C-alpha atoms as a PDB file:
ATOM      1  CA  MET A   1      65.380 124.760 275.150  1.00  0.00           C
ATOM      2  CA  THR A   2      67.389 121.229 275.432  1.00  0.00           C
ATOM      3  CA  TYR A   3      70.325 120.031 273.304  1.00  0.00           C
ATOM      4  CA  PHE A   4      67.755 117.848 271.588  1.00  0.00           C
ATOM      5  CA  ASP A   5      65.567 120.861 270.350  1.00  0.00           C
ATOM      6  CA  CYS A   6      69.010 122.402 268.961  1.00  0.00           C
ATOM      7  CA  TRP A   7      70.224 119.373 267.122  1.00  0.00           C
ATOM      8  CA  SER A   8      66.643 118.788 265.538  1.00  0.00           C
ATOM      9  CA  SER A   9      66.906 122.530 264.170  1.00  0.00           C
ATOM     10  CA  VAL A  10      70.464 122.219 263.152  1.00  0.00           C
ATOM     11  CA  ALA A  11      69.981 118.974 261.600  1.00  0.00           C
ATOM     12  CA  ALA A  12      67.110 119.835 259.440  1.00  0.00           C
ATOM     13  CA  ALA A  13      69.201 122.855 258.322  1.00  0.00           C
ATOM     14  CA  LEU A  14      72.438 120.898 257.557  1.00  0.00           C
ATOM     15  CA  PHE A  15      70.664 117.942 255.671  1.00  0.00           C
ATOM     16  CA  SER A  16      68.770 120.124 253.387  1.00  0.00           C
ATOM     17  CA  GLN A  17      71.858 122.237 252.487  1.00  0.00           C
ATOM     18  CA  ALA A  18      74.256 119.125 252.416  1.00  0.00           C
ATOM     19  CA  LEU A  19      72.397 116.323 250.798  1.00  0.00           C
ATOM     20  CA  ALA A  20      71.674 115.579 247.190  1.00  0.00           C
ATOM     21  CA  GLY A  21      67.953 116.543 246.602  1.00  0.00           C
ATOM     22  CA  GLU A  22      67.388 118.925 249.588  1.00  0.00           C
ATOM     23  CA  PRO A  23      65.693 116.555 251.676  1.00  0.00           C
ATOM     24  CA  GLU A  24      63.171 117.464 254.442  1.00  0.00           C
ATOM     25  CA  PHE A  25      63.790 116.023 257.905  1.00  0.00           C
ATOM     26  CA  THR A  26      60.656 116.074 260.183  1.00  0.00           C
ATOM     27  CA  GLU A  27      59.629 113.909 263.298  1.00  0.00           C
ATOM     28  CA  SER A  28      57.697 110.676 262.451  1.00  0.00           C
ATOM     29  CA  LEU A  29      56.333 107.692 264.101  1.00  0.00           C
ATOM     30  CA  PRO A  30      58.905 105.028 264.526  1.00  0.00           C
ATOM     31  CA  LYS A  31      59.707 102.307 262.363  1.00  0.00           C
ATOM     32  CA  PRO A  32      62.190  99.328 262.476  1.00  0.00           C
ATOM     33  CA  LEU A  33      65.331 100.061 260.550  1.00  0.00           C
ATOM     34  CA  GLY A  34      66.502  98.000 257.841  1.00  0.00           C
ATOM     35  CA  GLU A  35      69.387  95.464 256.977  1.00  0.00           C
ATOM     36  CA  GLY A  36      72.773  97.325 257.352  1.00  0.00           C
ATOM     37  CA  ALA A  37      71.712  99.984 259.722  1.00  0.00           C
ATOM     38  CA  CYS A  38      74.294 101.999 261.619  1.00  0.00           C
ATOM     39  CA  GLY A  39      74.602 104.313 264.562  1.00  0.00           C
ATOM     40  CA  PHE A  40      77.011 107.172 265.565  1.00  0.00           C
ATOM     41  CA  ALA A  41      77.137 108.472 269.354  1.00  0.00           C
ATOM     42  CA  ALA A  42      78.528 111.741 270.747  1.00  0.00           C
ATOM     43  CA  THR A  43      79.599 111.935 274.175  1.00  0.00           C
ATOM     44  CA  ILE A  44      78.946 115.289 275.696  1.00  0.00           C
ATOM     45  CA  SER A  45      80.204 116.997 278.736  1.00  0.00           C
ATOM     46  CA  GLY A  46      79.930 120.318 280.194  1.00  0.00           C
ATOM     47  CA  ASP A  47      76.711 122.134 281.746  1.00  0.00           C
ATOM     48  CA  VAL A  48      74.776 119.486 279.824  1.00  0.00           C
ATOM     49  CA  GLU A  49      76.199 115.814 279.733  1.00  0.00           C
ATOM     50  CA  GLY A  50      75.400 112.563 278.389  1.00  0.00           C
ATOM     51  CA  ARG A  51      75.359 110.461 275.232  1.00  0.00           C
ATOM     52  CA  PHE A  52      73.420 111.412 272.020  1.00  0.00           C
ATOM     53  CA  THR A  53      73.377 108.549 269.471  1.00  0.00           C
ATOM     54  CA  VAL A  54      71.589 108.661 265.881  1.00  0.00           C
ATOM     55  CA  MET A  55      70.569 105.449 263.989  1.00  0.00           C
ATOM     56  CA  LEU A  56      70.574 105.344 260.500  1.00  0.00           C
ATOM     57  CA  ASP A  57      68.439 103.068 258.321  1.00  0.00           C
ATOM     58  CA  GLY A  58      70.406 100.959 255.849  1.00  0.00           C
ATOM     59  CA  ALA A  59      68.807 102.134 252.981  1.00  0.00           C
ATOM     60  CA  VAL A  60      69.982 105.667 253.667  1.00  0.00           C
ATOM     61  CA  LEU A  61      73.651 104.205 253.006  1.00  0.00           C
ATOM     62  CA  GLU A  62      72.583 102.958 249.751  1.00  0.00           C
ATOM     63  CA  ALA A  63      71.379 106.120 248.507  1.00  0.00           C
ATOM     64  CA  PRO A  64      73.623 108.602 246.912  1.00  0.00           C
ATOM     65  CA  LEU A  65      72.630 111.430 249.256  1.00  0.00           C
ATOM     66  CA  MET A  66      76.663 112.390 249.616  1.00  0.00           C
ATOM     67  CA  GLY A  67      77.015 112.430 246.067  1.00  0.00           C
ATOM     68  CA  GLU A  68      77.802 109.670 243.383  1.00  0.00           C
ATOM     69  CA  GLY A  69      80.541 107.718 243.929  1.00  0.00           C
ATOM     70  CA  ALA A  70      81.288 109.141 247.537  1.00  0.00           C
ATOM     71  CA  ASP A  71      81.648 106.995 250.754  1.00  0.00           C
ATOM     72  CA  GLN A  72      78.143 107.502 252.122  1.00  0.00           C
ATOM     73  CA  LYS A  73      79.090 106.103 255.503  1.00  0.00           C
ATOM     74  CA  ALA A  74      82.118 108.481 255.801  1.00  0.00           C
ATOM     75  CA  GLY A  75      80.081 111.325 254.602  1.00  0.00           C
ATOM     76  CA  TRP A  76      77.405 110.586 257.118  1.00  0.00           C
ATOM     77  CA  ASN A  77      80.022 110.441 259.866  1.00  0.00           C
ATOM     78  CA  GLU A  78      81.237 114.033 259.171  1.00  0.00           C
ATOM     79  CA  LEU A  79      77.912 115.266 258.729  1.00  0.00           C
ATOM     80  CA  LEU A  80      76.540 114.077 262.031  1.00  0.00           C
ATOM     81  CA  ARG A  81      79.689 115.178 263.829  1.00  0.00           C
ATOM     82  CA  GLU A  82      79.141 118.816 262.117  1.00  0.00           C
ATOM     83  CA  ALA A  83      75.334 118.607 263.653  1.00  0.00           C
ATOM     84  CA  ALA A  84      76.548 117.518 267.015  1.00  0.00           C
ATOM     85  CA  ASN A  85      79.146 120.310 267.264  1.00  0.00           C
ATOM     86  CA  SER A  86      76.816 123.058 265.995  1.00  0.00           C
ATOM     87  CA  ALA A  87      74.110 122.102 268.295  1.00  0.00           C
ATOM     88  CA  ALA A  88      76.326 122.377 271.313  1.00  0.00           C
ATOM     89  CA  GLY A  89      77.274 126.215 269.798  1.00  0.00           C
ATOM     90  CA  ASP A  90      73.648 126.692 269.015  1.00  0.00           C
ATOM     91  CA  LEU A  91      72.780 125.739 272.776  1.00  0.00           C
ATOM     92  CA  TYR A  92      75.598 128.109 274.069  1.00  0.00           C
ATOM     93  CA  ALA A  93      74.062 131.087 272.074  1.00  0.00           C
ATOM     94  CA  LYS A  94      70.639 130.526 272.808  1.00  0.00           C
ATOM     95  CA  GLU A  95      70.599 129.223 276.413  1.00  0.00           C
ATOM     96  CA  GLY A  96      74.167 129.938 277.700  1.00  0.00           C
ATOM     97  CA  LYS A  97      75.030 126.369 278.465  1.00  0.00           C
ATOM     98  CA  LYS A  98      78.506 125.300 277.701  1.00  0.00           C
ATOM     99  CA  CYS A  99      79.174 121.737 276.088  1.00  0.00           C
ATOM    100  CA  GLN A 100      81.345 120.152 274.204  1.00  0.00           C
ATOM    101  CA  ILE A 101      81.887 116.745 272.208  1.00  0.00           C
ATOM    102  CA  THR A 102      84.407 114.672 273.786  1.00  0.00           C
ATOM    103  CA  ILE A 103      83.952 111.523 271.973  1.00  0.00           C
ATOM    104  CA  PHE A 104      82.339 110.873 268.619  1.00  0.00           C
ATOM    105  CA  GLU A 105      82.355 107.300 267.458  1.00  0.00           C
ATOM    106  CA  GLU A 106      80.652 104.897 265.293  1.00  0.00           C
ATOM    107  CA  VAL A 107      78.303 102.109 267.528  1.00  0.00           C
ATOM    108  CA  ALA A 108      76.100  99.471 267.015  1.00  0.00           C
ATOM    109  CA  CYS A 109      72.471 100.383 266.727  1.00  0.00           C
ATOM    110  CA  GLU A 110      70.493 100.775 269.862  1.00  0.00           C
ATOM    111  CA  ARG A 111      67.425  99.161 270.931  1.00  0.00           C
ATOM    112  CA  GLN A 112      66.228 101.759 272.852  1.00  0.00           C
ATOM    113  CA  ILE A 113      64.975 105.189 271.047  1.00  0.00           C
ATOM    114  CA  THR A 114      63.536 108.251 272.353  1.00  0.00           C
ATOM    115  CA  ASN A 115      62.431 110.094 268.918  1.00  0.00           C
ATOM    116  CA  SER A 116      61.987 109.179 265.523  1.00  0.00           C
ATOM    117  CA  PHE A 117      62.382 111.137 262.311  1.00  0.00           C
ATOM    118  CA  GLN A 118      61.875 110.866 258.640  1.00  0.00           C
ATOM    119  CA  LEU A 119      64.316 112.009 255.739  1.00  0.00           C
ATOM    120  CA  ARG A 120      62.433 112.698 252.312  1.00  0.00           C
ATOM    121  CA  ALA A 121      63.555 113.655 249.133  1.00  0.00           C
ATOM    122  CA  GLY A 122      60.858 113.231 246.387  1.00  0.00           C
ATOM    123  CA  ASP A 123      59.156 110.004 246.883  1.00  0.00           C
ATOM    124  CA  ARG A 124      61.788 108.325 248.707  1.00  0.00           C
ATOM    125  CA  SER A 125      62.095 108.369 252.504  1.00  0.00           C
ATOM    126  CA  TRP A 126      64.562 106.943 255.004  1.00  0.00           C
ATOM    127  CA  THR A 127      63.998 106.393 258.700  1.00  0.00           C
ATOM    128  CA  ILE A 128      66.652 108.043 261.221  1.00  0.00           C
ATOM    129  CA  LEU A 129      66.146 107.219 265.008  1.00  0.00           C
ATOM    130  CA  VAL A 130      67.619 109.104 268.069  1.00  0.00           C
ATOM    131  CA  ARG A 131      68.358 107.936 271.644  1.00  0.00           C
ATOM    132  CA  ASP A 132      68.816 111.506 273.427  1.00  0.00           C
ATOM    133  CA  GLU A 133      70.487 110.644 277.023  1.00  0.00           C
ATOM    134  CA  VAL A 134      71.627 114.373 277.379  1.00  0.00           C
ATOM    135  CA  ARG A 135      70.763 116.071 280.685  1.00  0.00           C
ATOM    136  CA  ALA A 136      71.542 119.227 282.329  1.00  0.00           C
ATOM    137  CA  VAL A 137      74.127 118.837 284.961  1.00  0.00           C
ATOM    138  CA  ALA A 138      72.752 119.529 288.854  1.00  0.00           C
ATOM    139  CA  ALA A 139      74.149 122.543 290.247  1.00  0.00           C
ATOM    140  CA  PRO A 140      76.495 121.686 293.386  1.00  0.00           C
ATOM    141  CA  PRO A 141      75.066 122.677 296.793  1.00  0.00           C
ATOM    142  CA  PRO A 142      76.423 125.778 298.178  1.00  0.00           C
ATOM    143  CA  ALA A 143      79.364 125.350 300.588  1.00  0.00           C
ATOM    144  CA  PRO A 144      78.406 126.070 304.285  1.00  0.00           C
ATOM    145  CA  SER A 145      79.292 129.089 305.517  1.00  0.00           C
ATOM    146  CA  LYS A 146      81.817 129.843 308.017  1.00  0.00           C
ATOM    147  CA  THR A 147      80.900 132.063 311.010  1.00  0.00           C
ATOM    148  CA  GLN A 148      82.807 134.948 311.023  1.00  0.00           C
ATOM    149  CA  PRO A 149      83.830 137.437 313.974  1.00  0.00           C
ATOM    150  CA  LYS A 150      82.025 140.778 313.374  1.00  0.00           C
ATOM    151  CA  ALA A 151      84.425 143.616 312.639  1.00  0.00           C
ATOM    152  CA  GLU A 152      83.648 147.414 313.608  1.00  0.00           C
ATOM    153  CA  ALA A 153      82.002 148.858 310.511  1.00  0.00           C
ATOM    154  CA  LYS A 154      83.732 151.628 309.049  1.00  0.00           C
ATOM    155  CA  PRO A 155      82.436 154.139 306.994  1.00  0.00           C
ATOM    156  CA  ALA A 156      83.408 153.357 303.299  1.00  0.00           C
ATOM    157  CA  ALA A 157      85.410 155.747 301.332  1.00  0.00           C
ATOM    158  CA  ALA A 158      83.884 157.311 298.508  1.00  0.00           C
ATOM    159  CA  PRO A 159      85.221 155.620 295.106  1.00  0.00           C
ATOM    160  CA  PRO A 160      87.144 157.844 292.691  1.00  0.00           C
ATOM    161  CA  PRO A 161      85.290 159.457 289.844  1.00  0.00           C
ATOM    162  CA  PRO A 162      85.719 157.522 286.706  1.00  0.00           C
ATOM    163  CA  ALA A 163      88.278 158.762 284.513  1.00  0.00           C
ATOM    164  CA  GLU A 164      87.288 159.902 281.296  1.00  0.00           C
ATOM    165  CA  SER A 165      88.497 157.993 278.233  1.00  0.00           C
ATOM    166  CA  LYS A 166      89.698 159.341 275.060  1.00  0.00           C
ATOM    167  CA  ASP A 167      88.107 156.437 273.494  1.00  0.00           C
ATOM    168  CA  SER A 168      84.899 156.478 274.783  1.00  0.00           C
ATOM    169  CA  LEU A 169      82.206 157.196 272.333  1.00  0.00           C
ATOM    170  CA  PRO A 170      79.696 160.422 271.593  1.00  0.00           C
ATOM    171  CA  GLY A 171      80.788 163.630 273.323  1.00  0.00           C
ATOM    172  CA  GLN A 172      84.447 162.358 273.972  1.00  0.00           C
ATOM    173  CA  ILE A 173      85.565 162.194 270.206  1.00  0.00           C
ATOM    174  CA  SER A 174      84.535 165.037 268.486  1.00  0.00           C
ATOM    175  CA  PRO A 175      81.386 167.342 268.442  1.00  0.00           C
ATOM    176  CA  GLY A 176      78.557 165.939 266.508  1.00  0.00           C
ATOM    177  CA  PHE A 177      79.861 162.472 266.285  1.00  0.00           C
ATOM    178  CA  GLU A 178      76.469 160.990 267.780  1.00  0.00           C
ATOM    179  CA  LEU A 179      74.884 161.953 264.360  1.00  0.00           C
ATOM    180  CA  LEU A 180      76.642 159.042 262.794  1.00  0.00           C
ATOM    181  CA  LEU A 181      75.730 156.353 265.215  1.00  0.00           C
ATOM    182  CA  ASP A 182      72.578 155.423 263.161  1.00  0.00           C
ATOM    183  CA  VAL A 183      74.580 155.136 259.723  1.00  0.00           C
ATOM    184  CA  GLU A 184      74.654 151.336 258.657  1.00  0.00           C
ATOM    185  CA  LEU A 185      77.872 149.738 257.765  1.00  0.00           C
ATOM    186  CA  GLU A 186      78.663 146.816 255.919  1.00  0.00           C
ATOM    187  CA  ALA A 187      80.533 143.867 257.859  1.00  0.00           C
ATOM    188  CA  SER A 188      82.143 140.587 256.591  1.00  0.00           C
ATOM    189  CA  LEU A 189      83.529 137.478 258.141  1.00  0.00           C
ATOM    190  CA  ARG A 190      87.339 136.633 256.790  1.00  0.00           C
ATOM    191  CA  PHE A 191      88.022 132.884 256.901  1.00  0.00           C
ATOM    192  CA  GLY A 192      91.270 133.411 255.666  1.00  0.00           C
ATOM    193  CA  SER A 193      93.348 134.122 252.504  1.00  0.00           C
ATOM    194  CA  ARG A 194      96.030 132.790 250.265  1.00  0.00           C
ATOM    195  CA  GLU A 195      98.340 134.578 247.454  1.00  0.00           C
ATOM    196  CA  MET A 196      98.128 132.488 244.311  1.00  0.00           C
ATOM    197  CA  PRO A 197      99.854 133.248 240.970  1.00  0.00           C
ATOM    198  CA  LEU A 198      97.484 134.281 237.997  1.00  0.00           C
ATOM    199  CA  GLY A 199      98.119 131.153 236.357  1.00  0.00           C
ATOM    200  CA  GLU A 200      96.724 128.924 238.894  1.00  0.00           C
ATOM    201  CA  ILE A 201      93.665 131.169 239.332  1.00  0.00           C
ATOM    202  CA  LEU A 202      92.756 130.734 235.760  1.00  0.00           C
ATOM    203  CA  GLU A 203      93.185 126.969 235.799  1.00  0.00           C
ATOM    204  CA  LEU A 204      90.753 126.591 238.774  1.00  0.00           C
ATOM    205  CA  GLY A 205      87.430 124.841 238.005  1.00  0.00           C
ATOM    206  CA  PRO A 206      84.342 123.142 239.753  1.00  0.00           C
ATOM    207  CA  GLY A 207      85.411 120.811 242.619  1.00  0.00           C
ATOM    208  CA  ASP A 208      88.888 122.516 243.179  1.00  0.00           C
ATOM    209  CA  VAL A 209      90.001 122.963 246.571  1.00  0.00           C
ATOM    210  CA  VAL A 210      91.802 126.211 247.627  1.00  0.00           C
ATOM    211  CA  GLU A 211      93.750 125.773 250.784  1.00  0.00           C
ATOM    212  CA  LEU A 212      93.443 128.998 253.016  1.00  0.00           C
ATOM    213  CA  ASP A 213      96.358 130.089 255.814  1.00  0.00           C
ATOM    214  CA  ARG A 214      93.973 129.412 258.610  1.00  0.00           C
ATOM    215  CA  HIS A 215      93.425 126.280 260.605  1.00  0.00           C
ATOM    216  CA  ILE A 216      89.924 125.462 261.330  1.00  0.00           C
ATOM    217  CA  THR A 217      90.073 125.767 264.958  1.00  0.00           C
ATOM    218  CA  ASP A 218      91.396 129.406 264.438  1.00  0.00           C
ATOM    219  CA  PRO A 219      88.968 132.261 264.976  1.00  0.00           C
ATOM    220  CA  VAL A 220      87.384 134.349 262.150  1.00  0.00           C
ATOM    221  CA  ASP A 221      87.759 137.758 261.842  1.00  0.00           C
ATOM    222  CA  LEU A 222      85.077 140.347 261.824  1.00  0.00           C
ATOM    223  CA  ILE A 223      85.697 143.141 259.307  1.00  0.00           C
ATOM    224  CA  VAL A 224      84.328 146.627 258.993  1.00  0.00           C
ATOM    225  CA  GLY A 225      85.963 148.822 256.251  1.00  0.00           C
ATOM    226  CA  ASP A 226      89.518 147.348 256.232  1.00  0.00           C
ATOM    227  CA  LYS A 227      89.876 146.935 260.111  1.00  0.00           C
ATOM    228  CA  ILE A 228      89.532 143.624 262.135  1.00  0.00           C
ATOM    229  CA  VAL A 229      87.097 144.911 264.732  1.00  0.00           C
ATOM    230  CA  ALA A 230      86.265 141.437 266.509  1.00  0.00           C
ATOM    231  CA  ARG A 231      87.116 137.768 266.496  1.00  0.00           C
ATOM    232  CA  GLY A 232      85.198 134.777 267.249  1.00  0.00           C
ATOM    233  CA  GLU A 233      83.779 131.292 265.982  1.00  0.00           C
ATOM    234  CA  VAL A 234      81.257 130.553 263.424  1.00  0.00           C
ATOM    235  CA  VAL A 235      77.855 128.771 264.865  1.00  0.00           C
ATOM    236  CA  LEU A 236      74.550 128.092 263.442  1.00  0.00           C
ATOM    237  CA  VAL A 237      71.455 130.172 264.518  1.00  0.00           C
ATOM    238  CA  ASN A 238      68.272 128.852 263.177  1.00  0.00           C
ATOM    239  CA  GLY A 239      69.798 127.531 259.979  1.00  0.00           C
ATOM    240  CA  ASN A 240      71.825 130.856 259.559  1.00  0.00           C
ATOM    241  CA  PHE A 241      75.653 131.461 260.011  1.00  0.00           C
ATOM    242  CA  GLY A 242      76.470 133.651 262.924  1.00  0.00           C
ATOM    243  CA  LEU A 243      79.659 134.828 264.871  1.00  0.00           C
ATOM    244  CA  LYS A 244      80.021 134.201 268.716  1.00  0.00           C
ATOM    245  CA  VAL A 245      82.390 136.986 269.697  1.00  0.00           C
ATOM    246  CA  SER A 246      85.405 135.960 271.565  1.00  0.00           C
ATOM    247  CA  GLU A 247      87.348 138.984 271.410  1.00  0.00           C
ATOM    248  CA  VAL A 248      86.840 142.477 270.530  1.00  0.00           C
ATOM    249  CA  ALA A 249      89.303 145.523 269.526  1.00  0.00           C
ATOM    250  CA  GLU A 250      89.736 148.461 271.561  1.00  0.00           C
ATOM    251  CA  PRO A 251      87.201 151.333 270.784  1.00  0.00           C
ATOM    252  CA  LYS A 252      89.877 153.277 269.270  1.00  0.00           C
ATOM    253  CA  LYS A 253      90.538 150.835 266.683  1.00  0.00           C
ATOM    254  CA  ARG A 254      86.815 150.089 266.036  1.00  0.00           C
ATOM    255  CA  LEU A 255      86.582 153.925 265.475  1.00  0.00           C
ATOM    256  CA  GLU A 256      89.422 153.889 263.034  1.00  0.00           C
ATOM    257  CA  SER A 257      87.777 151.256 260.934  1.00  0.00           C
ATOM    258  CA  ILE A 258      84.601 153.536 260.844  1.00  0.00           C
ATOM    259  CA  ARG A 259      86.502 156.624 259.920  1.00  0.00           C
ATOM    260  CA  CYS A 260      88.052 154.839 257.022  1.00  0.00           C
ATOM    261  CA  LEU A 261      84.608 154.694 255.434  1.00  0.00           C
ATOM    262  CA  PHE A 262      84.215 158.467 255.175  1.00  0.00           C
END
């Protein structure tokens, strides 16, 4: 699976969720772009690198897909930036290839394209073109090995037996604990929190924004019961949200989160 494959899947899911009318995003035969067309390019580095450019038909920017009264170009800038970053996360989740978006910028429309798409909502459609120049980085050749003088082989000492951990699972915690291993537990993600006066809560209405106590780059918490068992970053996998785990609590703390449910 390539970066382009991940981007196509992510873009189809994001466009359907974020744009008015829940439009469909499908590959099609190429068509010329109309007046007012613009493009956005992502420069990518890591296990794959190169440039990925998305070009929008001018008619797309005239349609209120981002909502009535919204700045359509700024909205598309943010949406395509999110698609580029989510595709990088999806590529790592599915193929184990790490990459990141180092530059995301508005560019003049490209003449050369590699793929063409149609965005359809009802009886209207718009052309979106892609130029994919992202390629896997070639692995460096192995360094020449230096000849080392042969040393007399000595019998290896037997490794010490592994120490038994009090935090290890079945058989080490309590008799019969293995009977609980098939119990299903409810897990949830916590993006952040905020304390608010009751008056402010009663005044909330559609369109209001509640700012949380966590920056967008901070990891989110995986909660079981009332305990944090892991942290990581949110990714998109086949159109669904997922958690890419970056750190995990010690087994003892994870066990405490399970005990609090019984």
